[in-house]
Amino acid sequence: MAQSRLTLKNGLGVSYTDEGEGAPLLLLHGYCGSRGYWDEALPLLSAHARVVAPDARGHGESDAAEGTYAMEQLAEDAVQLLDALGIDRAYVFGHSMGGYAALALAERYPDRLRGLGLVHSTTFPDDDNGRANRDKVAARIASEGMRGHIEDLIPKLFAPDNLKTMQDRVERAKEIGFAASPQAGIGAALGMKERPDRRGVLERLALPILLLAGESDQVIAAEKRFPVSGADVTHRLLAGAGHMSMIERPEAFAQAILEFVRAAEDSAEEDTDV
């Protein structure tokens, strides 16, 4: 895969993959992940589109920074990457934490979007218990480092049945998590804790929206998977997947993404012809 690195205007060094030609897709991975989360699906996507997949700050091979990683800052990083690559508007797909960043991007920069996709993510903020758990995670990482947290976290991200049949993929996800900076583990946990309710962003966004969920997701509760409906909103529920369909069911994941993008592109062409 074509892996590159550049320094954003804000001084952050970012590593990313940029492959394929056609409509640009920006893939934002989840907490304690990296662009490696997309390895199974990326060739399927880049055969039909241009795919840009960065490592978030402090994750993978991108630079870490001190302090809270606000979702707005992750969104700003993503926009600065689009600027550096000369991409005016893209389809932005965010997995889990990446979805929270994508929502912040859509709120602040709706003109940079062709469409928006939340992948195993939600518009809802943390409840009181969730915020308390973020503090516990941050304290644990500060005390112990990343390993124990990742060992506990990753199995929860896969459908229970897949833990038995996809042990190699589970271990790969752990290795990706181990590589995340403790600064990122702490900063991103605290950033997610502070995120607001952004359901209104989807309600106001006059663009195609994809809400993609896993049938066996143990992280995003069923009642939070599809927060909005409408003519421009596509709901996709993938059987045989937990919180990691891009790894658990890459073919079905890629098909859902490409079908959404093709429909959006066709609709945009029809609007232009009118």
C-alpha atoms as a PDB file:
ATOM      1  CA  MET A   1       0.000   0.000   0.000  1.00  0.00           C
ATOM      2  CA  ALA A   2       1.149   3.547  -0.741  1.00  0.00           C
ATOM      3  CA  GLN A   3       2.042   4.918   2.692  1.00  0.00           C
ATOM      4  CA  SER A   4       3.100   8.529   3.085  1.00  0.00           C
ATOM      5  CA  ARG A   5       3.803  11.112   5.744  1.00  0.00           C
ATOM      6  CA  LEU A   6       3.470  14.878   5.885  1.00  0.00           C
ATOM      7  CA  THR A   7       3.385  17.685   8.404  1.00  0.00           C
ATOM      8  CA  LEU A   8       0.096  19.540   8.784  1.00  0.00           C
ATOM      9  CA  LYS A   9      -0.154  23.321   9.123  1.00  0.00           C
ATOM     10  CA  ASN A  10      -0.597  22.852  12.861  1.00  0.00           C
ATOM     11  CA  GLY A  11       2.794  21.127  13.030  1.00  0.00           C
ATOM     12  CA  LEU A  12       1.487  17.584  13.547  1.00  0.00           C
ATOM     13  CA  GLY A  13       3.281  14.855  11.633  1.00  0.00           C
ATOM     14  CA  VAL A  14       0.677  12.514  10.116  1.00  0.00           C
ATOM     15  CA  SER A  15       1.148   9.141   8.443  1.00  0.00           C
ATOM     16  CA  TYR A  16      -1.489   8.030   5.964  1.00  0.00           C
ATOM     17  CA  THR A  17      -2.356   5.731   3.084  1.00  0.00           C
ATOM     18  CA  ASP A  18      -3.538   7.238  -0.210  1.00  0.00           C
ATOM     19  CA  GLU A  19      -4.602   4.743  -2.877  1.00  0.00           C
ATOM     20  CA  GLY A  20      -6.868   4.522  -5.902  1.00  0.00           C
ATOM     21  CA  GLU A  21      -8.597   6.979  -8.199  1.00  0.00           C
ATOM     22  CA  GLY A  22     -12.087   8.429  -8.353  1.00  0.00           C
ATOM     23  CA  ALA A  23     -14.364   9.893  -5.717  1.00  0.00           C
ATOM     24  CA  PRO A  24     -12.261  10.629  -2.589  1.00  0.00           C
ATOM     25  CA  LEU A  25     -13.080   8.654   0.556  1.00  0.00           C
ATOM     26  CA  LEU A  26     -11.556   9.718   3.877  1.00  0.00           C
ATOM     27  CA  LEU A  27     -11.512   6.895   6.443  1.00  0.00           C
ATOM     28  CA  LEU A  28     -11.107   7.864  10.112  1.00  0.00           C
ATOM     29  CA  HIS A  29     -10.348   4.928  12.406  1.00  0.00           C
ATOM     30  CA  GLY A  30     -11.460   4.355  15.975  1.00  0.00           C
ATOM     31  CA  TYR A  31      -9.915   4.676  19.424  1.00  0.00           C
ATOM     32  CA  CYS A  32      -6.560   2.916  19.873  1.00  0.00           C
ATOM     33  CA  GLY A  33      -6.696   1.872  16.229  1.00  0.00           C
ATOM     34  CA  SER A  34      -4.737   2.955  13.174  1.00  0.00           C
ATOM     35  CA  ARG A  35      -5.056   2.986   9.405  1.00  0.00           C
ATOM     36  CA  GLY A  36      -4.244  -0.715   9.739  1.00  0.00           C
ATOM     37  CA  TYR A  37      -7.880  -1.252  10.705  1.00  0.00           C
ATOM     38  CA  TRP A  38      -8.745  -0.793   7.014  1.00  0.00           C
ATOM     39  CA  ASP A  39      -6.160  -3.210   5.604  1.00  0.00           C
ATOM     40  CA  GLU A  40      -8.689  -5.914   4.707  1.00  0.00           C
ATOM     41  CA  ALA A  41     -11.181  -3.533   3.101  1.00  0.00           C
ATOM     42  CA  LEU A  42      -8.916  -0.924   1.570  1.00  0.00           C
ATOM     43  CA  PRO A  43      -8.004  -2.859  -1.609  1.00  0.00           C
ATOM     44  CA  LEU A  44     -11.701  -3.497  -2.218  1.00  0.00           C
ATOM     45  CA  LEU A  45     -12.454   0.207  -1.890  1.00  0.00           C
ATOM     46  CA  SER A  46      -9.436   1.597  -3.724  1.00  0.00           C
ATOM     47  CA  ALA A  47     -10.298  -0.466  -6.792  1.00  0.00           C
ATOM     48  CA  HIS A  48     -13.218   1.928  -7.296  1.00  0.00           C
ATOM     49  CA  ALA A  49     -12.335   5.162  -5.476  1.00  0.00           C
ATOM     50  CA  ARG A  50      -9.503   7.224  -4.054  1.00  0.00           C
ATOM     51  CA  VAL A  51      -9.066   6.188  -0.430  1.00  0.00           C
ATOM     52  CA  VAL A  52      -7.204   8.294   2.123  1.00  0.00           C
ATOM     53  CA  ALA A  53      -6.719   6.630   5.507  1.00  0.00           C
ATOM     54  CA  PRO A  54      -4.668   8.543   8.103  1.00  0.00           C
ATOM     55  CA  ASP A  55      -3.415   7.525  11.498  1.00  0.00           C
ATOM     56  CA  ALA A  56      -5.064   9.828  14.053  1.00  0.00           C
ATOM     57  CA  ARG A  57      -2.752  11.874  16.253  1.00  0.00           C
ATOM     58  CA  GLY A  58      -0.921   9.623  18.689  1.00  0.00           C
ATOM     59  CA  HIS A  59      -2.097   6.485  16.902  1.00  0.00           C
ATOM     60  CA  GLY A  60      -0.192   4.313  14.457  1.00  0.00           C
ATOM     61  CA  GLU A  61       2.780   6.281  13.130  1.00  0.00           C
ATOM     62  CA  SER A  62       1.369   9.794  13.559  1.00  0.00           C
ATOM     63  CA  ASP A  63       2.839  12.172  16.132  1.00  0.00           C
ATOM     64  CA  ALA A  64       1.385  12.275  19.620  1.00  0.00           C
ATOM     65  CA  ALA A  65       0.568  15.428  21.554  1.00  0.00           C
ATOM     66  CA  GLU A  66      -0.073  16.182  25.198  1.00  0.00           C
ATOM     67  CA  GLY A  67      -3.504  17.038  26.604  1.00  0.00           C
ATOM     68  CA  THR A  68      -7.080  16.223  25.703  1.00  0.00           C
ATOM     69  CA  TYR A  69      -7.720  15.096  22.130  1.00  0.00           C
ATOM     70  CA  ALA A  70     -10.970  16.928  21.469  1.00  0.00           C
ATOM     71  CA  MET A  71     -13.079  15.563  18.631  1.00  0.00           C
ATOM     72  CA  GLU A  72     -12.971  19.033  17.100  1.00  0.00           C
ATOM     73  CA  GLN A  73      -9.158  18.818  17.020  1.00  0.00           C
ATOM     74  CA  LEU A  74      -9.264  15.425  15.318  1.00  0.00           C
ATOM     75  CA  ALA A  75     -11.660  16.950  12.782  1.00  0.00           C
ATOM     76  CA  GLU A  76      -9.282  19.855  12.218  1.00  0.00           C
ATOM     77  CA  ASP A  77      -6.421  17.407  11.644  1.00  0.00           C
ATOM     78  CA  ALA A  78      -8.536  15.640   9.012  1.00  0.00           C
ATOM     79  CA  VAL A  79      -9.423  18.870   7.212  1.00  0.00           C
ATOM     80  CA  GLN A  80      -5.795  19.971   7.183  1.00  0.00           C
ATOM     81  CA  LEU A  81      -4.871  16.625   5.631  1.00  0.00           C
ATOM     82  CA  LEU A  82      -7.503  17.116   2.917  1.00  0.00           C
ATOM     83  CA  ASP A  83      -6.061  20.593   2.296  1.00  0.00           C
ATOM     84  CA  ALA A  84      -2.524  19.212   2.006  1.00  0.00           C
ATOM     85  CA  LEU A  85      -3.679  16.578  -0.480  1.00  0.00           C
ATOM     86  CA  GLY A  86      -5.646  19.082  -2.565  1.00  0.00           C
ATOM     87  CA  ILE A  87      -8.995  17.425  -1.860  1.00  0.00           C
ATOM     88  CA  ASP A  88     -11.813  19.964  -1.754  1.00  0.00           C
ATOM     89  CA  ARG A  89     -14.702  17.648  -0.836  1.00  0.00           C
ATOM     90  CA  ALA A  90     -14.719  14.012   0.251  1.00  0.00           C
ATOM     91  CA  TYR A  91     -16.948  11.271   1.540  1.00  0.00           C
ATOM     92  CA  VAL A  92     -15.950  11.028   5.189  1.00  0.00           C
ATOM     93  CA  PHE A  93     -16.452   7.712   6.995  1.00  0.00           C
ATOM     94  CA  GLY A  94     -15.663   7.530  10.681  1.00  0.00           C
ATOM     95  CA  HIS A  95     -15.371   4.340  12.703  1.00  0.00           C
ATOM     96  CA  SER A  96     -16.364   4.638  16.377  1.00  0.00           C
ATOM     97  CA  MET A  97     -14.227   7.547  17.694  1.00  0.00           C
ATOM     98  CA  GLY A  98     -13.565   8.432  14.064  1.00  0.00           C
ATOM     99  CA  GLY A  99     -17.317   8.875  13.713  1.00  0.00           C
ATOM    100  CA  TYR A 100     -17.306  11.379  16.551  1.00  0.00           C
ATOM    101  CA  ALA A 101     -14.546  13.277  14.748  1.00  0.00           C
ATOM    102  CA  ALA A 102     -16.471  13.044  11.462  1.00  0.00           C
ATOM    103  CA  LEU A 103     -19.520  14.572  13.140  1.00  0.00           C
ATOM    104  CA  ALA A 104     -17.391  17.439  14.449  1.00  0.00           C
ATOM    105  CA  LEU A 105     -16.031  17.921  10.930  1.00  0.00           C
ATOM    106  CA  ALA A 106     -19.542  17.929   9.461  1.00  0.00           C
ATOM    107  CA  GLU A 107     -20.654  20.508  12.023  1.00  0.00           C
ATOM    108  CA  ARG A 108     -17.769  22.879  11.355  1.00  0.00           C
ATOM    109  CA  TYR A 109     -17.002  22.179   7.683  1.00  0.00           C
ATOM    110  CA  PRO A 110     -20.153  20.865   5.942  1.00  0.00           C
ATOM    111  CA  ASP A 111     -18.900  22.326   2.660  1.00  0.00           C
ATOM    112  CA  ARG A 112     -15.984  19.857   2.696  1.00  0.00           C
ATOM    113  CA  LEU A 113     -18.294  16.842   2.513  1.00  0.00           C
ATOM    114  CA  ARG A 114     -19.785  14.915  -0.371  1.00  0.00           C
ATOM    115  CA  GLY A 115     -21.403  12.587   2.142  1.00  0.00           C
ATOM    116  CA  LEU A 116     -20.985  11.350   5.699  1.00  0.00           C
ATOM    117  CA  GLY A 117     -20.817   7.851   7.107  1.00  0.00           C
ATOM    118  CA  LEU A 118     -20.881   6.713  10.732  1.00  0.00           C
ATOM    119  CA  VAL A 119     -19.405   3.220  11.051  1.00  0.00           C
ATOM    120  CA  HIS A 120     -20.219   1.546  14.382  1.00  0.00           C
ATOM    121  CA  SER A 121     -20.616   4.999  15.862  1.00  0.00           C
ATOM    122  CA  THR A 122     -23.352   7.267  17.201  1.00  0.00           C
ATOM    123  CA  THR A 123     -24.364  10.882  17.640  1.00  0.00           C
ATOM    124  CA  PHE A 124     -25.146  10.421  21.327  1.00  0.00           C
ATOM    125  CA  PRO A 125     -22.732  11.646  24.021  1.00  0.00           C
ATOM    126  CA  ASP A 126     -21.486   9.539  26.903  1.00  0.00           C
ATOM    127  CA  ASP A 127     -23.881   9.147  29.806  1.00  0.00           C
ATOM    128  CA  ASP A 128     -22.682   9.594  33.398  1.00  0.00           C
ATOM    129  CA  ASN A 129     -21.459   6.009  33.605  1.00  0.00           C
ATOM    130  CA  GLY A 130     -19.658   6.320  30.285  1.00  0.00           C
ATOM    131  CA  ARG A 131     -17.892   9.506  31.355  1.00  0.00           C
ATOM    132  CA  ALA A 132     -16.808   7.876  34.604  1.00  0.00           C
ATOM    133  CA  ASN A 133     -15.405   4.950  32.627  1.00  0.00           C
ATOM    134  CA  ARG A 134     -13.392   7.332  30.419  1.00  0.00           C
ATOM    135  CA  ASP A 135     -11.762   8.733  33.553  1.00  0.00           C
ATOM    136  CA  LYS A 136     -10.981   5.208  34.774  1.00  0.00           C
ATOM    137  CA  VAL A 137      -9.396   4.316  31.427  1.00  0.00           C
ATOM    138  CA  ALA A 138      -7.270   7.469  31.443  1.00  0.00           C
ATOM    139  CA  ALA A 139      -6.134   6.794  35.023  1.00  0.00           C
ATOM    140  CA  ARG A 140      -5.315   3.171  34.232  1.00  0.00           C
ATOM    141  CA  ILE A 141      -3.233   4.046  31.188  1.00  0.00           C
ATOM    142  CA  ALA A 142      -1.404   6.754  33.145  1.00  0.00           C
ATOM    143  CA  SER A 143      -0.582   4.169  35.811  1.00  0.00           C
ATOM    144  CA  GLU A 144       0.004   0.983  33.793  1.00  0.00           C
ATOM    145  CA  GLY A 145       0.564   1.949  30.161  1.00  0.00           C
ATOM    146  CA  MET A 146      -1.466   0.661  27.218  1.00  0.00           C
ATOM    147  CA  ARG A 147      -1.128  -3.111  27.334  1.00  0.00           C
ATOM    148  CA  GLY A 148      -3.649  -4.077  30.010  1.00  0.00           C
ATOM    149  CA  HIS A 149      -6.284  -1.707  28.655  1.00  0.00           C
ATOM    150  CA  ILE A 150      -5.883  -3.034  25.107  1.00  0.00           C
ATOM    151  CA  GLU A 151      -6.035  -6.655  26.279  1.00  0.00           C
ATOM    152  CA  ASP A 152      -9.394  -5.890  27.895  1.00  0.00           C
ATOM    153  CA  LEU A 153     -10.756  -3.608  25.157  1.00  0.00           C
ATOM    154  CA  ILE A 154     -10.155  -5.458  21.894  1.00  0.00           C
ATOM    155  CA  PRO A 155     -12.172  -8.646  22.610  1.00  0.00           C
ATOM    156  CA  LYS A 156     -15.222  -6.477  23.294  1.00  0.00           C
ATOM    157  CA  LEU A 157     -14.986  -5.025  19.792  1.00  0.00           C
ATOM    158  CA  PHE A 158     -15.550  -8.331  17.991  1.00  0.00           C
ATOM    159  CA  ALA A 159     -18.755 -10.339  17.756  1.00  0.00           C
ATOM    160  CA  PRO A 160     -18.548 -13.172  20.326  1.00  0.00           C
ATOM    161  CA  ASP A 161     -18.602 -15.866  17.652  1.00  0.00           C
ATOM    162  CA  ASN A 162     -15.757 -14.165  15.803  1.00  0.00           C
ATOM    163  CA  LEU A 163     -13.466 -14.243  18.813  1.00  0.00           C
ATOM    164  CA  LYS A 164     -13.153 -17.991  18.259  1.00  0.00           C
ATOM    165  CA  THR A 165     -12.864 -18.043  14.472  1.00  0.00           C
ATOM    166  CA  MET A 166     -10.819 -14.853  13.897  1.00  0.00           C
ATOM    167  CA  GLN A 167      -8.122 -15.123  16.529  1.00  0.00           C
ATOM    168  CA  ASP A 168      -5.460 -13.875  14.109  1.00  0.00           C
ATOM    169  CA  ARG A 169      -7.476 -10.725  13.391  1.00  0.00           C
ATOM    170  CA  VAL A 170      -8.140 -10.164  17.085  1.00  0.00           C
ATOM    171  CA  GLU A 171      -4.405 -10.410  17.777  1.00  0.00           C
ATOM    172  CA  ARG A 172      -3.676  -8.016  14.901  1.00  0.00           C
ATOM    173  CA  ALA A 173      -6.102  -5.473  16.408  1.00  0.00           C
ATOM    174  CA  LYS A 174      -4.335  -5.852  19.751  1.00  0.00           C
ATOM    175  CA  GLU A 175      -0.947  -5.212  18.160  1.00  0.00           C
ATOM    176  CA  ILE A 176      -2.330  -2.046  16.594  1.00  0.00           C
ATOM    177  CA  GLY A 177      -3.634  -0.968  19.998  1.00  0.00           C
ATOM    178  CA  PHE A 178      -0.342  -1.681  21.748  1.00  0.00           C
ATOM    179  CA  ALA A 179       1.345   0.703  19.288  1.00  0.00           C
ATOM    180  CA  ALA A 180      -0.881   3.644  20.229  1.00  0.00           C
ATOM    181  CA  SER A 181       0.806   6.266  22.366  1.00  0.00           C
ATOM    182  CA  PRO A 182      -0.280   6.401  26.037  1.00  0.00           C
ATOM    183  CA  GLN A 183      -0.724  10.125  25.419  1.00  0.00           C
ATOM    184  CA  ALA A 184      -3.311   9.251  22.773  1.00  0.00           C
ATOM    185  CA  GLY A 185      -4.973   6.620  24.952  1.00  0.00           C
ATOM    186  CA  ILE A 186      -5.468   9.195  27.676  1.00  0.00           C
ATOM    187  CA  GLY A 187      -6.106  12.243  25.489  1.00  0.00           C
ATOM    188  CA  ALA A 188      -8.628  10.544  23.220  1.00  0.00           C
ATOM    189  CA  ALA A 189     -10.506   8.985  26.144  1.00  0.00           C
ATOM    190  CA  LEU A 190     -10.889  12.414  27.724  1.00  0.00           C
ATOM    191  CA  GLY A 191     -11.826  13.930  24.361  1.00  0.00           C
ATOM    192  CA  MET A 192     -14.605  11.400  23.821  1.00  0.00           C
ATOM    193  CA  LYS A 193     -15.839  12.068  27.352  1.00  0.00           C
ATOM    194  CA  GLU A 194     -16.342  15.743  26.481  1.00  0.00           C
ATOM    195  CA  ARG A 195     -18.108  15.325  23.151  1.00  0.00           C
ATOM    196  CA  PRO A 196     -21.619  16.824  22.886  1.00  0.00           C
ATOM    197  CA  ASP A 197     -24.818  15.370  21.456  1.00  0.00           C
ATOM    198  CA  ARG A 198     -24.534  15.870  17.695  1.00  0.00           C
ATOM    199  CA  ARG A 199     -27.788  14.379  16.485  1.00  0.00           C
ATOM    200  CA  GLY A 200     -28.707  17.824  15.217  1.00  0.00           C
ATOM    201  CA  VAL A 201     -25.722  17.755  12.863  1.00  0.00           C
ATOM    202  CA  LEU A 202     -27.227  14.815  10.996  1.00  0.00           C
ATOM    203  CA  GLU A 203     -30.698  16.363  11.058  1.00  0.00           C
ATOM    204  CA  ARG A 204     -29.383  19.552   9.450  1.00  0.00           C
ATOM    205  CA  LEU A 205     -26.932  18.001   7.002  1.00  0.00           C
ATOM    206  CA  ALA A 206     -28.344  18.216   3.485  1.00  0.00           C
ATOM    207  CA  LEU A 207     -26.116  15.451   2.153  1.00  0.00           C
ATOM    208  CA  PRO A 208     -26.207  11.655   1.846  1.00  0.00           C
ATOM    209  CA  ILE A 209     -25.666   9.925   5.205  1.00  0.00           C
ATOM    210  CA  LEU A 210     -24.754   6.302   5.842  1.00  0.00           C
ATOM    211  CA  LEU A 211     -25.325   4.737   9.268  1.00  0.00           C
ATOM    212  CA  LEU A 212     -23.590   1.360   9.302  1.00  0.00           C
ATOM    213  CA  ALA A 213     -23.935  -0.936  12.321  1.00  0.00           C
ATOM    214  CA  GLY A 214     -22.950  -4.440  13.319  1.00  0.00           C
ATOM    215  CA  GLU A 215     -25.702  -6.810  14.375  1.00  0.00           C
ATOM    216  CA  SER A 216     -23.562  -8.089  17.269  1.00  0.00           C
ATOM    217  CA  ASP A 217     -21.975  -4.787  18.297  1.00  0.00           C
ATOM    218  CA  GLN A 218     -21.365  -4.853  22.058  1.00  0.00           C
ATOM    219  CA  VAL A 219     -20.213  -1.217  22.193  1.00  0.00           C
ATOM    220  CA  ILE A 220     -22.965   0.778  20.467  1.00  0.00           C
ATOM    221  CA  ALA A 221     -26.353  -0.112  21.918  1.00  0.00           C
ATOM    222  CA  ALA A 222     -29.059  -1.038  19.409  1.00  0.00           C
ATOM    223  CA  GLU A 223     -31.170   2.017  20.245  1.00  0.00           C
ATOM    224  CA  LYS A 224     -28.243   4.340  19.466  1.00  0.00           C
ATOM    225  CA  ARG A 225     -27.201   2.906  16.085  1.00  0.00           C
ATOM    226  CA  PHE A 226     -29.684   4.714  13.861  1.00  0.00           C
ATOM    227  CA  PRO A 227     -30.378   8.089  15.516  1.00  0.00           C
ATOM    228  CA  VAL A 228     -31.953   9.683  12.441  1.00  0.00           C
ATOM    229  CA  SER A 229     -33.982   8.632   9.419  1.00  0.00           C
ATOM    230  CA  GLY A 230     -34.869  10.373   6.197  1.00  0.00           C
ATOM    231  CA  ALA A 231     -34.729  10.357   2.426  1.00  0.00           C
ATOM    232  CA  ASP A 232     -30.957  10.989   2.414  1.00  0.00           C
ATOM    233  CA  VAL A 233     -30.185   8.534   5.241  1.00  0.00           C
ATOM    234  CA  THR A 234     -29.174   4.919   4.588  1.00  0.00           C
ATOM    235  CA  HIS A 235     -29.333   2.363   7.405  1.00  0.00           C
ATOM    236  CA  ARG A 236     -27.177  -0.758   7.030  1.00  0.00           C
ATOM    237  CA  LEU A 237     -27.048  -3.537   9.609  1.00  0.00           C
ATOM    238  CA  LEU A 238     -24.344  -6.123   8.931  1.00  0.00           C
ATOM    239  CA  ALA A 239     -24.913  -9.654  10.173  1.00  0.00           C
ATOM    240  CA  GLY A 240     -21.897 -11.503  11.533  1.00  0.00           C
ATOM    241  CA  ALA A 241     -20.184  -8.321  12.681  1.00  0.00           C
ATOM    242  CA  GLY A 242     -19.581  -6.674  16.014  1.00  0.00           C
ATOM    243  CA  HIS A 243     -17.895  -3.272  16.299  1.00  0.00           C
ATOM    244  CA  MET A 244     -15.261  -4.044  13.647  1.00  0.00           C
ATOM    245  CA  SER A 245     -16.981  -4.947  10.397  1.00  0.00           C
ATOM    246  CA  MET A 246     -14.074  -3.631   8.320  1.00  0.00           C
ATOM    247  CA  ILE A 247     -12.030  -6.453   9.877  1.00  0.00           C
ATOM    248  CA  GLU A 248     -14.747  -9.032  10.613  1.00  0.00           C
ATOM    249  CA  ARG A 249     -16.640  -8.744   7.310  1.00  0.00           C
ATOM    250  CA  PRO A 250     -14.509  -6.633   4.976  1.00  0.00           C
ATOM    251  CA  GLU A 251     -16.339  -7.636   1.791  1.00  0.00           C
ATOM    252  CA  ALA A 252     -19.759  -6.725   3.185  1.00  0.00           C
ATOM    253  CA  PHE A 253     -18.330  -3.535   4.682  1.00  0.00           C
ATOM    254  CA  ALA A 254     -16.766  -2.461   1.397  1.00  0.00           C
ATOM    255  CA  GLN A 255     -19.912  -3.310  -0.528  1.00  0.00           C
ATOM    256  CA  ALA A 256     -22.011  -1.130   1.795  1.00  0.00           C
ATOM    257  CA  ILE A 257     -19.589   1.787   1.411  1.00  0.00           C
ATOM    258  CA  LEU A 258     -19.344   1.513  -2.371  1.00  0.00           C
ATOM    259  CA  GLU A 259     -23.090   1.134  -2.885  1.00  0.00           C
ATOM    260  CA  PHE A 260     -23.651   4.250  -0.795  1.00  0.00           C
ATOM    261  CA  VAL A 261     -21.037   6.249  -2.705  1.00  0.00           C
ATOM    262  CA  ARG A 262     -22.313   5.132  -6.116  1.00  0.00           C
ATOM    263  CA  ALA A 263     -25.877   6.078  -5.220  1.00  0.00           C
ATOM    264  CA  ALA A 264     -24.723   9.463  -3.926  1.00  0.00           C
ATOM    265  CA  GLU A 265     -22.637  10.131  -7.037  1.00  0.00           C
ATOM    266  CA  ASP A 266     -25.526   9.139  -9.317  1.00  0.00           C
ATOM    267  CA  SER A 267     -27.868  11.435  -7.410  1.00  0.00           C
ATOM    268  CA  ALA A 268     -25.396  14.320  -7.634  1.00  0.00           C
ATOM    269  CA  GLU A 269     -25.093  13.821 -11.399  1.00  0.00           C
ATOM    270  CA  GLU A 270     -28.871  13.848 -11.764  1.00  0.00           C
ATOM    271  CA  ASP A 271     -29.075  17.095  -9.795  1.00  0.00           C
ATOM    272  CA  THR A 272     -26.421  18.629 -12.035  1.00  0.00           C
ATOM    273  CA  ASP A 273     -28.344  17.614 -15.148  1.00  0.00           C
ATOM    274  CA  VAL A 274     -31.560  19.270 -13.991  1.00  0.00           C
END
